């Protein structure tokens, strides 16, 4: 419980307004915990080059055992499932985000992920 409170508190360090100024609008909720810059990890791993990247492969990021056990790459379909409900897609994930139920929003977000360089 304390660990979750600490994570939630850390996630609030970057405001949504600041996050949306640094990224595309769809990425704003992600930017609270994730960087879009290569090699820059925050509470979550960088989102730079996430589409097509092997799962749990960002150097220097401490993934949960559940995420480390994942096979394959972050395809658009895998990202869509994870973003819809992270805990259902990867039971045991440390991702504190509860999910994005709107498929159209997920499609926009994945398009922004693909544009990250």
PDB file of N, CA and C in Angstrom:
ATOM      1  N   UNK A   1       0.833  -1.192   0.000  1.00  0.00           N
ATOM      2  CA  UNK A   1       0.000   0.000   0.000  1.00  0.00           C
ATOM      3  C   UNK A   1       0.873   1.250   0.000  1.00  0.00           C
ATOM      4  N   UNK A   2       1.876   1.306   0.853  1.00  0.00           N
ATOM      5  CA  UNK A   2       2.760   2.464   0.905  1.00  0.00           C
ATOM      6  C   UNK A   2       3.489   2.615  -0.421  1.00  0.00           C
ATOM      7  N   UNK A   3       3.944   1.490  -1.005  1.00  0.00           N
ATOM      8  CA  UNK A   3       4.635   1.531  -2.291  1.00  0.00           C
ATOM      9  C   UNK A   3       3.745   2.160  -3.365  1.00  0.00           C
ATOM     10  N   UNK A   4       2.474   1.806  -3.397  1.00  0.00           N
ATOM     11  CA  UNK A   4       1.547   2.387  -4.364  1.00  0.00           C
ATOM     12  C   UNK A   4       1.356   3.877  -4.130  1.00  0.00           C
ATOM     13  N   UNK A   5       1.269   4.294  -2.885  1.00  0.00           N
ATOM     14  CA  UNK A   5       1.119   5.716  -2.590  1.00  0.00           C
ATOM     15  C   UNK A   5       2.329   6.497  -3.055  1.00  0.00           C
ATOM     16  N   UNK A   6       3.496   5.939  -2.870  1.00  0.00           N
ATOM     17  CA  UNK A   6       4.713   6.598  -3.322  1.00  0.00           C
ATOM     18  C   UNK A   6       4.699   6.715  -4.840  1.00  0.00           C
ATOM     19  N   UNK A   7       4.312   5.645  -5.529  1.00  0.00           N
ATOM     20  CA  UNK A   7       4.256   5.676  -6.987  1.00  0.00           C
ATOM     21  C   UNK A   7       3.247   6.694  -7.487  1.00  0.00           C
ATOM     22  N   UNK A   8       2.083   6.754  -6.878  1.00  0.00           N
ATOM     23  CA  UNK A   8       1.077   7.720  -7.277  1.00  0.00           C
ATOM     24  C   UNK A   8       1.587   9.133  -7.041  1.00  0.00           C
ATOM     25  N   UNK A   9       2.210   9.359  -5.917  1.00  0.00           N
ATOM     26  CA  UNK A   9       2.772  10.688  -5.638  1.00  0.00           C
ATOM     27  C   UNK A   9       3.829  11.065  -6.651  1.00  0.00           C
ATOM     28  N   UNK A  10       4.673  10.142  -7.017  1.00  0.00           N
ATOM     29  CA  UNK A  10       5.714  10.417  -8.011  1.00  0.00           C
ATOM     30  C   UNK A  10       5.096  10.703  -9.366  1.00  0.00           C
ATOM     31  N   UNK A  11       3.995  10.044  -9.689  1.00  0.00           N
ATOM     32  CA  UNK A  11       3.347  10.247 -10.976  1.00  0.00           C
ATOM     33  C   UNK A  11       2.770  11.645 -11.109  1.00  0.00           C
ATOM     34  N   UNK A  12       2.484  12.294 -10.007  1.00  0.00           N
ATOM     35  CA  UNK A  12       1.882  13.609 -10.054  1.00  0.00           C
ATOM     36  C   UNK A  12       2.895  14.744 -10.153  1.00  0.00           C
ATOM     37  N   UNK A  13       4.163  14.411 -10.194  1.00  0.00           N
ATOM     38  CA  UNK A  13       5.200  15.438 -10.269  1.00  0.00           C
ATOM     39  C   UNK A  13       5.096  16.249 -11.552  1.00  0.00           C
ATOM     40  N   UNK A  14       4.777  15.604 -12.691  1.00  0.00           N
ATOM     41  CA  UNK A  14       4.619  16.304 -13.961  1.00  0.00           C
ATOM     42  C   UNK A  14       3.134  16.550 -14.162  1.00  0.00           C
ATOM     43  N   UNK A  15       2.738  17.797 -14.279  1.00  0.00           N
ATOM     44  CA  UNK A  15       1.319  18.108 -14.431  1.00  0.00           C
ATOM     45  C   UNK A  15       0.843  17.750 -15.827  1.00  0.00           C
ATOM     46  N   UNK A  16      -0.454  17.468 -16.012  1.00  0.00           N
ATOM     47  CA  UNK A  16      -0.982  17.181 -17.337  1.00  0.00           C
ATOM     48  C   UNK A  16      -0.771  18.342 -18.304  1.00  0.00           C
ATOM     49  N   UNK A  17      -0.831  19.563 -17.817  1.00  0.00           N
ATOM     50  CA  UNK A  17      -0.618  20.725 -18.679  1.00  0.00           C
ATOM     51  C   UNK A  17       0.802  20.736 -19.209  1.00  0.00           C
ATOM     52  N   UNK A  18       1.781  20.520 -18.324  1.00  0.00           N
ATOM     53  CA  UNK A  18       3.181  20.474 -18.755  1.00  0.00           C
ATOM     54  C   UNK A  18       3.403  19.295 -19.684  1.00  0.00           C
ATOM     55  N   UNK A  19       2.794  18.169 -19.386  1.00  0.00           N
ATOM     56  CA  UNK A  19       2.960  16.982 -20.214  1.00  0.00           C
ATOM     57  C   UNK A  19       2.416  17.218 -21.614  1.00  0.00           C
ATOM     58  N   UNK A  20       1.241  17.843 -21.745  1.00  0.00           N
ATOM     59  CA  UNK A  20       0.664  18.055 -23.065  1.00  0.00           C
ATOM     60  C   UNK A  20       1.460  19.075 -23.855  1.00  0.00           C
ATOM     61  N   UNK A  21       2.153  19.979 -23.198  1.00  0.00           N
ATOM     62  CA  UNK A  21       2.989  20.950 -23.896  1.00  0.00           C
ATOM     63  C   UNK A  21       4.231  20.275 -24.473  1.00  0.00           C
ATOM     64  N   UNK A  22       4.681  19.184 -23.866  1.00  0.00           N
ATOM     65  CA  UNK A  22       5.889  18.486 -24.294  1.00  0.00           C
ATOM     66  C   UNK A  22       5.600  17.400 -25.317  1.00  0.00           C
ATOM     67  N   UNK A  23       4.383  16.962 -25.433  1.00  0.00           N
ATOM     68  CA  UNK A  23       4.050  15.820 -26.278  1.00  0.00           C
ATOM     69  C   UNK A  23       2.764  16.095 -27.029  1.00  0.00           C
ATOM     70  N   UNK A  24       2.361  15.140 -27.867  1.00  0.00           N
ATOM     71  CA  UNK A  24       1.064  15.223 -28.513  1.00  0.00           C
ATOM     72  C   UNK A  24      -0.030  15.069 -27.478  1.00  0.00           C
ATOM     73  N   UNK A  25      -1.227  15.527 -27.819  1.00  0.00           N
ATOM     74  CA  UNK A  25      -2.340  15.507 -26.864  1.00  0.00           C
ATOM     75  C   UNK A  25      -2.657  14.109 -26.348  1.00  0.00           C
ATOM     76  N   UNK A  26      -2.602  13.112 -27.209  1.00  0.00           N
ATOM     77  CA  UNK A  26      -2.922  11.752 -26.772  1.00  0.00           C
ATOM     78  C   UNK A  26      -1.884  11.213 -25.795  1.00  0.00           C
ATOM     79  N   UNK A  27      -0.651  11.715 -25.880  1.00  0.00           N
ATOM     80  CA  UNK A  27       0.422  11.244 -25.006  1.00  0.00           C
ATOM     81  C   UNK A  27       0.426  11.892 -23.628  1.00  0.00           C
ATOM     82  N   UNK A  28      -0.347  12.936 -23.439  1.00  0.00           N
ATOM     83  CA  UNK A  28      -0.310  13.685 -22.180  1.00  0.00           C
ATOM     84  C   UNK A  28      -0.459  12.802 -20.938  1.00  0.00           C
ATOM     85  N   UNK A  29      -1.434  11.879 -20.879  1.00  0.00           N
ATOM     86  CA  UNK A  29      -1.532  11.051 -19.663  1.00  0.00           C
ATOM     87  C   UNK A  29      -0.292  10.170 -19.459  1.00  0.00           C
ATOM     88  N   UNK A  30       0.322   9.726 -20.542  1.00  0.00           N
ATOM     89  CA  UNK A  30       1.506   8.860 -20.455  1.00  0.00           C
ATOM     90  C   UNK A  30       2.721   9.631 -19.941  1.00  0.00           C
ATOM     91  N   UNK A  31       2.819  10.894 -20.360  1.00  0.00           N
ATOM     92  CA  UNK A  31       3.987  11.717 -20.037  1.00  0.00           C
ATOM     93  C   UNK A  31       4.093  12.024 -18.548  1.00  0.00           C
ATOM     94  N   UNK A  32       3.067  11.708 -17.796  1.00  0.00           N
ATOM     95  CA  UNK A  32       3.148  11.894 -16.355  1.00  0.00           C
ATOM     96  C   UNK A  32       4.131  10.900 -15.744  1.00  0.00           C
ATOM     97  N   UNK A  33       4.286   9.738 -16.383  1.00  0.00           N
ATOM     98  CA  UNK A  33       5.172   8.690 -15.857  1.00  0.00           C
ATOM     99  C   UNK A  33       6.263   8.255 -16.831  1.00  0.00           C
ATOM    100  N   UNK A  34       6.074   8.533 -18.116  1.00  0.00           N
ATOM    101  CA  UNK A  34       7.003   8.072 -19.146  1.00  0.00           C
ATOM    102  C   UNK A  34       7.594   9.252 -19.900  1.00  0.00           C
ATOM    103  N   UNK A  35       8.858   9.126 -20.251  1.00  0.00           N
ATOM    104  CA  UNK A  35       9.505  10.088 -21.134  1.00  0.00           C
ATOM    105  C   UNK A  35       9.301   9.636 -22.571  1.00  0.00           C
ATOM    106  N   UNK A  36       9.423  10.575 -23.496  1.00  0.00           N
ATOM    107  CA  UNK A  36       9.403  10.233 -24.914  1.00  0.00           C
ATOM    108  C   UNK A  36      10.805  10.345 -25.507  1.00  0.00           C
ATOM    109  N   UNK A  37      11.778  10.663 -24.672  1.00  0.00           N
ATOM    110  CA  UNK A  37      13.159  10.805 -25.127  1.00  0.00           C
ATOM    111  C   UNK A  37      13.885   9.464 -25.023  1.00  0.00           C
ATOM    112  N   UNK A  38      14.658   9.116 -26.058  1.00  0.00           N
ATOM    113  CA  UNK A  38      15.427   7.868 -25.997  1.00  0.00           C
ATOM    114  C   UNK A  38      16.346   7.837 -24.775  1.00  0.00           C
ATOM    115  N   UNK A  39      16.375   6.703 -24.101  1.00  0.00           N
ATOM    116  CA  UNK A  39      17.272   6.521 -22.965  1.00  0.00           C
ATOM    117  C   UNK A  39      16.860   7.206 -21.679  1.00  0.00           C
ATOM    118  N   UNK A  40      15.728   7.878 -21.661  1.00  0.00           N
ATOM    119  CA  UNK A  40      15.288   8.588 -20.454  1.00  0.00           C
ATOM    120  C   UNK A  40      14.104   7.845 -19.829  1.00  0.00           C
ATOM    121  N   UNK A  41      14.383   7.124 -18.764  1.00  0.00           N
ATOM    122  CA  UNK A  41      13.335   6.421 -18.038  1.00  0.00           C
ATOM    123  C   UNK A  41      12.873   7.273 -16.866  1.00  0.00           C
ATOM    124  N   UNK A  42      11.625   7.138 -16.535  1.00  0.00           N
ATOM    125  CA  UNK A  42      11.053   7.801 -15.358  1.00  0.00           C
ATOM    126  C   UNK A  42      10.439   6.705 -14.495  1.00  0.00           C
ATOM    127  N   UNK A  43       9.264   6.959 -13.979  1.00  0.00           N
ATOM    128  CA  UNK A  43       8.546   5.932 -13.224  1.00  0.00           C
ATOM    129  C   UNK A  43       8.291   4.719 -14.120  1.00  0.00           C
ATOM    130  N   UNK A  44       8.083   4.978 -15.405  1.00  0.00           N
ATOM    131  CA  UNK A  44       7.949   3.937 -16.421  1.00  0.00           C
ATOM    132  C   UNK A  44       9.064   4.082 -17.436  1.00  0.00           C
ATOM    133  N   UNK A  45       9.262   3.069 -18.284  1.00  0.00           N
ATOM    134  CA  UNK A  45      10.324   3.142 -19.286  1.00  0.00           C
ATOM    135  C   UNK A  45       9.993   4.161 -20.379  1.00  0.00           C
ATOM    136  N   UNK A  46      11.028   4.615 -21.092  1.00  0.00           N
ATOM    137  CA  UNK A  46      10.806   5.548 -22.186  1.00  0.00           C
ATOM    138  C   UNK A  46       9.835   4.952 -23.209  1.00  0.00           C
ATOM    139  N   UNK A  47       9.067   5.818 -23.836  1.00  0.00           N
ATOM    140  CA  UNK A  47       8.149   5.384 -24.886  1.00  0.00           C
ATOM    141  C   UNK A  47       8.769   5.553 -26.273  1.00  0.00           C
ATOM    142  N   UNK A  48       9.961   6.097 -26.333  1.00  0.00           N
ATOM    143  CA  UNK A  48      10.647   6.267 -27.604  1.00  0.00           C
ATOM    144  C   UNK A  48      10.833   4.908 -28.275  1.00  0.00           C
ATOM    145  N   UNK A  49      10.421   4.807 -29.521  1.00  0.00           N
ATOM    146  CA  UNK A  49      10.554   3.582 -30.310  1.00  0.00           C
ATOM    147  C   UNK A  49       9.838   2.379 -29.677  1.00  0.00           C
ATOM    148  N   UNK A  50       8.740   2.624 -28.979  1.00  0.00           N
ATOM    149  CA  UNK A  50       8.049   1.520 -28.310  1.00  0.00           C
ATOM    150  C   UNK A  50       7.388   0.563 -29.305  1.00  0.00           C
ATOM    151  N   UNK A  51       6.833   1.089 -30.404  1.00  0.00           N
ATOM    152  CA  UNK A  51       6.175   0.214 -31.377  1.00  0.00           C
ATOM    153  C   UNK A  51       7.238  -0.637 -32.068  1.00  0.00           C
ATOM    154  N   UNK A  52       7.118  -1.944 -31.928  1.00  0.00           N
ATOM    155  CA  UNK A  52       8.066  -2.877 -32.512  1.00  0.00           C
ATOM    156  C   UNK A  52       9.221  -3.258 -31.599  1.00  0.00           C
ATOM    157  N   UNK A  53       9.310  -2.609 -30.446  1.00  0.00           N
ATOM    158  CA  UNK A  53      10.398  -2.906 -29.495  1.00  0.00           C
ATOM    159  C   UNK A  53      10.066  -4.190 -28.734  1.00  0.00           C
ATOM    160  N   UNK A  54      11.064  -5.025 -28.473  1.00  0.00           N
ATOM    161  CA  UNK A  54      10.803  -6.201 -27.634  1.00  0.00           C
ATOM    162  C   UNK A  54      10.281  -5.773 -26.260  1.00  0.00           C
ATOM    163  N   UNK A  55       9.379  -6.539 -25.720  1.00  0.00           N
ATOM    164  CA  UNK A  55       8.808  -6.238 -24.408  1.00  0.00           C
ATOM    165  C   UNK A  55       9.894  -6.337 -23.337  1.00  0.00           C
ATOM    166  N   UNK A  56       9.834  -5.463 -22.350  1.00  0.00           N
ATOM    167  CA  UNK A  56      10.754  -5.454 -21.197  1.00  0.00           C
ATOM    168  C   UNK A  56      12.208  -5.350 -21.635  1.00  0.00           C
ATOM    169  N   UNK A  57      12.479  -4.518 -22.658  1.00  0.00           N
ATOM    170  CA  UNK A  57      13.823  -4.468 -23.236  1.00  0.00           C
ATOM    171  C   UNK A  57      14.552  -3.135 -23.054  1.00  0.00           C
ATOM    172  N   UNK A  58      13.982  -2.183 -22.327  1.00  0.00           N
ATOM    173  CA  UNK A  58      14.650  -0.890 -22.165  1.00  0.00           C
ATOM    174  C   UNK A  58      15.748  -1.023 -21.108  1.00  0.00           C
ATOM    175  N   UNK A  59      16.952  -0.727 -21.525  1.00  0.00           N
ATOM    176  CA  UNK A  59      18.102  -0.818 -20.620  1.00  0.00           C
ATOM    177  C   UNK A  59      17.931   0.140 -19.447  1.00  0.00           C
ATOM    178  N   UNK A  60      18.274  -0.348 -18.273  1.00  0.00           N
ATOM    179  CA  UNK A  60      18.249   0.487 -17.080  1.00  0.00           C
ATOM    180  C   UNK A  60      16.895   0.608 -16.408  1.00  0.00           C
ATOM    181  N   UNK A  61      15.858  -0.031 -16.947  1.00  0.00           N
ATOM    182  CA  UNK A  61      14.548   0.045 -16.303  1.00  0.00           C
ATOM    183  C   UNK A  61      14.281  -1.242 -15.539  1.00  0.00           C
ATOM    184  N   UNK A  62      13.774  -1.110 -14.312  1.00  0.00           N
ATOM    185  CA  UNK A  62      13.495  -2.263 -13.448  1.00  0.00           C
ATOM    186  C   UNK A  62      12.061  -2.756 -13.682  1.00  0.00           C
ATOM    187  N   UNK A  63      11.906  -3.655 -14.627  1.00  0.00           N
ATOM    188  CA  UNK A  63      10.593  -4.213 -14.946  1.00  0.00           C
ATOM    189  C   UNK A  63      10.127  -5.180 -13.867  1.00  0.00           C
ATOM    190  N   UNK A  64       8.818  -5.324 -13.752  1.00  0.00           N
ATOM    191  CA  UNK A  64       8.244  -6.319 -12.841  1.00  0.00           C
ATOM    192  C   UNK A  64       8.537  -7.717 -13.394  1.00  0.00           C
ATOM    193  N   UNK A  65       8.544  -8.721 -12.514  1.00  0.00           N
ATOM    194  CA  UNK A  65       8.714 -10.097 -13.003  1.00  0.00           C
ATOM    195  C   UNK A  65       7.650 -10.458 -14.044  1.00  0.00           C
ATOM    196  N   UNK A  66       6.437  -9.962 -13.873  1.00  0.00           N
ATOM    197  CA  UNK A  66       5.362 -10.257 -14.827  1.00  0.00           C
ATOM    198  C   UNK A  66       5.694  -9.704 -16.209  1.00  0.00           C
ATOM    199  N   UNK A  67       6.230  -8.493 -16.258  1.00  0.00           N
ATOM    200  CA  UNK A  67       6.570  -7.905 -17.551  1.00  0.00           C
ATOM    201  C   UNK A  67       7.797  -8.596 -18.145  1.00  0.00           C
ATOM    202  N   UNK A  68       8.762  -8.934 -17.309  1.00  0.00           N
ATOM    203  CA  UNK A  68       9.954  -9.639 -17.803  1.00  0.00           C
ATOM    204  C   UNK A  68       9.592 -10.976 -18.439  1.00  0.00           C
ATOM    205  N   UNK A  69       8.519 -11.581 -17.991  1.00  0.00           N
ATOM    206  CA  UNK A  69       8.098 -12.882 -18.517  1.00  0.00           C
ATOM    207  C   UNK A  69       7.387 -12.776 -19.867  1.00  0.00           C
ATOM    208  N   UNK A  70       7.050 -11.555 -20.281  1.00  0.00           N
ATOM    209  CA  UNK A  70       6.349 -11.357 -21.542  1.00  0.00           C
ATOM    210  C   UNK A  70       7.269 -11.642 -22.724  1.00  0.00           C
ATOM    211  N   UNK A  71       6.723 -12.262 -23.740  1.00  0.00           N
ATOM    212  CA  UNK A  71       7.462 -12.584 -24.959  1.00  0.00           C
ATOM    213  C   UNK A  71       6.986 -11.682 -26.096  1.00  0.00           C
ATOM    214  N   UNK A  72       7.792 -11.565 -27.115  1.00  0.00           N
ATOM    215  CA  UNK A  72       7.380 -10.828 -28.304  1.00  0.00           C
ATOM    216  C   UNK A  72       7.720  -9.353 -28.238  1.00  0.00           C
ATOM    217  N   UNK A  73       7.102  -8.611 -29.152  1.00  0.00           N
ATOM    218  CA  UNK A  73       7.349  -7.178 -29.267  1.00  0.00           C
ATOM    219  C   UNK A  73       6.069  -6.402 -29.003  1.00  0.00           C
ATOM    220  N   UNK A  74       6.230  -5.115 -28.808  1.00  0.00           N
ATOM    221  CA  UNK A  74       5.084  -4.225 -28.640  1.00  0.00           C
ATOM    222  C   UNK A  74       4.525  -3.888 -30.016  1.00  0.00           C
ATOM    223  N   UNK A  75       3.728  -4.793 -30.550  1.00  0.00           N
ATOM    224  CA  UNK A  75       3.018  -4.549 -31.803  1.00  0.00           C
ATOM    225  C   UNK A  75       1.862  -3.596 -31.509  1.00  0.00           C
ATOM    226  N   UNK A  76       1.239  -3.095 -32.550  1.00  0.00           N
ATOM    227  CA  UNK A  76       0.080  -2.232 -32.342  1.00  0.00           C
ATOM    228  C   UNK A  76      -1.022  -2.986 -31.592  1.00  0.00           C
ATOM    229  N   UNK A  77      -1.234  -4.249 -31.923  1.00  0.00           N
ATOM    230  CA  UNK A  77      -2.265  -5.052 -31.247  1.00  0.00           C
ATOM    231  C   UNK A  77      -1.916  -5.285 -29.781  1.00  0.00           C
ATOM    232  N   UNK A  78      -0.638  -5.572 -29.493  1.00  0.00           N
ATOM    233  CA  UNK A  78      -0.220  -5.793 -28.103  1.00  0.00           C
ATOM    234  C   UNK A  78      -0.353  -4.504 -27.292  1.00  0.00           C
ATOM    235  N   UNK A  79       0.033  -3.384 -27.886  1.00  0.00           N
ATOM    236  CA  UNK A  79      -0.118  -2.097 -27.196  1.00  0.00           C
ATOM    237  C   UNK A  79      -1.587  -1.784 -26.953  1.00  0.00           C
ATOM    238  N   UNK A  80      -2.428  -2.051 -27.941  1.00  0.00           N
ATOM    239  CA  UNK A  80      -3.858  -1.786 -27.796  1.00  0.00           C
ATOM    240  C   UNK A  80      -4.435  -2.576 -26.629  1.00  0.00           C
ATOM    241  N   UNK A  81      -4.106  -3.844 -26.534  1.00  0.00           N
ATOM    242  CA  UNK A  81      -4.609  -4.684 -25.438  1.00  0.00           C
ATOM    243  C   UNK A  81      -4.084  -4.199 -24.089  1.00  0.00           C
ATOM    244  N   UNK A  82      -2.799  -3.855 -24.039  1.00  0.00           N
ATOM    245  CA  UNK A  82      -2.196  -3.401 -22.785  1.00  0.00           C
ATOM    246  C   UNK A  82      -2.797  -2.070 -22.354  1.00  0.00           C
ATOM    247  N   UNK A  83      -2.961  -1.150 -23.282  1.00  0.00           N
ATOM    248  CA  UNK A  83      -3.515   0.162 -22.945  1.00  0.00           C
ATOM    249  C   UNK A  83      -4.978   0.073 -22.524  1.00  0.00           C
ATOM    250  N   UNK A  84      -5.713  -0.869 -23.090  1.00  0.00           N
ATOM    251  CA  UNK A  84      -7.124  -1.042 -22.722  1.00  0.00           C
ATOM    252  C   UNK A  84      -7.259  -1.454 -21.266  1.00  0.00           C
ATOM    253  N   UNK A  85      -6.379  -2.358 -20.826  1.00  0.00           N
ATOM    254  CA  UNK A  85      -6.445  -2.848 -19.452  1.00  0.00           C
ATOM    255  C   UNK A  85      -5.105  -3.488 -19.099  1.00  0.00           C
ATOM    256  N   UNK A  86      -4.151  -2.693 -18.627  1.00  0.00           N
ATOM    257  CA  UNK A  86      -2.816  -3.226 -18.346  1.00  0.00           C
ATOM    258  C   UNK A  86      -2.801  -4.448 -17.435  1.00  0.00           C
ATOM    259  N   UNK A  87      -3.619  -4.447 -16.402  1.00  0.00           N
ATOM    260  CA  UNK A  87      -3.592  -5.545 -15.429  1.00  0.00           C
ATOM    261  C   UNK A  87      -4.167  -6.839 -15.992  1.00  0.00           C
ATOM    262  N   UNK A  88      -5.088  -6.724 -16.951  1.00  0.00           N
ATOM    263  CA  UNK A  88      -5.622  -7.924 -17.598  1.00  0.00           C
ATOM    264  C   UNK A  88      -4.641  -8.446 -18.643  1.00  0.00           C
ATOM    265  N   UNK A  89      -3.976  -7.542 -19.357  1.00  0.00           N
ATOM    266  CA  UNK A  89      -3.028  -7.943 -20.398  1.00  0.00           C
ATOM    267  C   UNK A  89      -1.765  -8.564 -19.800  1.00  0.00           C
ATOM    268  N   UNK A  90      -1.312  -8.006 -18.675  1.00  0.00           N
ATOM    269  CA  UNK A  90      -0.100  -8.507 -18.004  1.00  0.00           C
ATOM    270  C   UNK A  90      -0.386  -8.584 -16.509  1.00  0.00           C
ATOM    271  N   UNK A  91      -1.036  -9.662 -16.063  1.00  0.00           N
ATOM    272  CA  UNK A  91      -1.308  -9.792 -14.631  1.00  0.00           C
ATOM    273  C   UNK A  91      -0.003  -9.710 -13.823  1.00  0.00           C
ATOM    274  N   UNK A  92       0.003  -8.842 -12.829  1.00  0.00           N
ATOM    275  CA  UNK A  92       1.191  -8.638 -12.019  1.00  0.00           C
ATOM    276  C   UNK A  92       2.026  -7.445 -12.450  1.00  0.00           C
ATOM    277  N   UNK A  93       1.578  -6.723 -13.497  1.00  0.00           N
ATOM    278  CA  UNK A  93       2.313  -5.542 -13.936  1.00  0.00           C
ATOM    279  C   UNK A  93       2.344  -4.496 -12.823  1.00  0.00           C
ATOM    280  N   UNK A  94       3.369  -3.673 -12.826  1.00  0.00           N
ATOM    281  CA  UNK A  94       3.449  -2.570 -11.869  1.00  0.00           C
ATOM    282  C   UNK A  94       2.825  -1.291 -12.423  1.00  0.00           C
ATOM    283  N   UNK A  95       2.343  -1.351 -13.649  1.00  0.00           N
ATOM    284  CA  UNK A  95       1.720  -0.186 -14.280  1.00  0.00           C
ATOM    285  C   UNK A  95       0.526   0.240 -13.437  1.00  0.00           C
ATOM    286  N   UNK A  96       0.535   1.492 -12.980  1.00  0.00           N
ATOM    287  CA  UNK A  96      -0.533   1.960 -12.098  1.00  0.00           C
ATOM    288  C   UNK A  96      -1.716   2.529 -12.863  1.00  0.00           C
ATOM    289  N   UNK A  97      -1.567   2.728 -14.150  1.00  0.00           N
ATOM    290  CA  UNK A  97      -2.644   3.244 -14.993  1.00  0.00           C
ATOM    291  C   UNK A  97      -3.726   2.176 -15.125  1.00  0.00           C
ATOM    292  N   UNK A  98      -4.973   2.551 -14.935  1.00  0.00           N
ATOM    293  CA  UNK A  98      -6.055   1.562 -14.935  1.00  0.00           C
ATOM    294  C   UNK A  98      -6.521   1.166 -16.328  1.00  0.00           C
ATOM    295  N   UNK A  99      -6.210   1.944 -17.332  1.00  0.00           N
ATOM    296  CA  UNK A  99      -6.577   1.567 -18.684  1.00  0.00           C
ATOM    297  C   UNK A  99      -7.347   2.644 -19.419  1.00  0.00           C
ATOM    298  N   UNK A 100      -7.396   2.492 -20.739  1.00  0.00           N
ATOM    299  CA  UNK A 100      -8.059   3.432 -21.635  1.00  0.00           C
ATOM    300  C   UNK A 100      -9.148   2.658 -22.386  1.00  0.00           C
ATOM    301  N   UNK A 101     -10.394   2.754 -21.924  1.00  0.00           N
ATOM    302  CA  UNK A 101     -11.456   1.950 -22.524  1.00  0.00           C
ATOM    303  C   UNK A 101     -11.856   2.373 -23.940  1.00  0.00           C
ATOM    304  N   UNK A 102     -11.600   3.612 -24.321  1.00  0.00           N
ATOM    305  CA  UNK A 102     -12.020   4.135 -25.629  1.00  0.00           C
ATOM    306  C   UNK A 102     -11.045   3.689 -26.724  1.00  0.00           C
ATOM    307  N   UNK A 103     -11.517   2.846 -27.639  1.00  0.00           N
ATOM    308  CA  UNK A 103     -10.674   2.313 -28.712  1.00  0.00           C
ATOM    309  C   UNK A 103     -10.134   3.421 -29.617  1.00  0.00           C
ATOM    310  N   UNK A 104     -10.929   4.440 -29.885  1.00  0.00           N
ATOM    311  CA  UNK A 104     -10.470   5.544 -30.743  1.00  0.00           C
ATOM    312  C   UNK A 104      -9.317   6.300 -30.085  1.00  0.00           C
ATOM    313  N   UNK A 105      -9.389   6.493 -28.776  1.00  0.00           N
ATOM    314  CA  UNK A 105      -8.293   7.152 -28.057  1.00  0.00           C
ATOM    315  C   UNK A 105      -7.025   6.301 -28.108  1.00  0.00           C
ATOM    316  N   UNK A 106      -7.177   4.993 -27.968  1.00  0.00           N
ATOM    317  CA  UNK A 106      -6.016   4.101 -28.033  1.00  0.00           C
ATOM    318  C   UNK A 106      -5.387   4.143 -29.423  1.00  0.00           C
ATOM    319  N   UNK A 107      -6.208   4.200 -30.450  1.00  0.00           N
ATOM    320  CA  UNK A 107      -5.700   4.272 -31.827  1.00  0.00           C
ATOM    321  C   UNK A 107      -4.887   5.550 -32.023  1.00  0.00           C
ATOM    322  N   UNK A 108      -5.385   6.679 -31.510  1.00  0.00           N
ATOM    323  CA  UNK A 108      -4.651   7.953 -31.602  1.00  0.00           C
ATOM    324  C   UNK A 108      -3.336   7.869 -30.832  1.00  0.00           C
ATOM    325  N   UNK A 109      -3.388   7.286 -29.661  1.00  0.00           N
ATOM    326  CA  UNK A 109      -2.197   7.180 -28.828  1.00  0.00           C
ATOM    327  C   UNK A 109      -1.132   6.311 -29.515  1.00  0.00           C
ATOM    328  N   UNK A 110      -1.545   5.196 -30.063  1.00  0.00           N
ATOM    329  CA  UNK A 110      -0.590   4.312 -30.741  1.00  0.00           C
ATOM    330  C   UNK A 110       0.001   5.010 -31.968  1.00  0.00           C
ATOM    331  N   UNK A 111      -0.796   5.807 -32.665  1.00  0.00           N
ATOM    332  CA  UNK A 111      -0.278   6.589 -33.802  1.00  0.00           C
ATOM    333  C   UNK A 111       0.802   7.566 -33.317  1.00  0.00           C
ATOM    334  N   UNK A 112       0.584   8.175 -32.160  1.00  0.00           N
ATOM    335  CA  UNK A 112       1.604   9.074 -31.594  1.00  0.00           C
ATOM    336  C   UNK A 112       2.845   8.296 -31.169  1.00  0.00           C
ATOM    337  N   UNK A 113       2.653   7.099 -30.626  1.00  0.00           N
ATOM    338  CA  UNK A 113       3.810   6.248 -30.285  1.00  0.00           C
ATOM    339  C   UNK A 113       4.641   5.988 -31.547  1.00  0.00           C
ATOM    340  N   UNK A 114       3.962   5.670 -32.665  1.00  0.00           N
ATOM    341  CA  UNK A 114       4.668   5.365 -33.903  1.00  0.00           C
ATOM    342  C   UNK A 114       5.451   6.570 -34.428  1.00  0.00           C
ATOM    343  N   UNK A 115       4.975   7.762 -34.122  1.00  0.00           N
ATOM    344  CA  UNK A 115       5.650   8.978 -34.590  1.00  0.00           C
ATOM    345  C   UNK A 115       6.860   9.356 -33.751  1.00  0.00           C
ATOM    346  N   UNK A 116       6.995   8.760 -32.569  1.00  0.00           N
ATOM    347  CA  UNK A 116       8.132   9.074 -31.702  1.00  0.00           C
ATOM    348  C   UNK A 116       9.419   8.547 -32.302  1.00  0.00           C
ATOM    349  N   UNK A 117      10.430   9.357 -32.281  1.00  0.00           N
ATOM    350  CA  UNK A 117      11.749   8.939 -32.820  1.00  0.00           C
ATOM    351  C   UNK A 117      12.815   9.078 -31.775  1.00  0.00           C
TER     352      UNK A 117
END
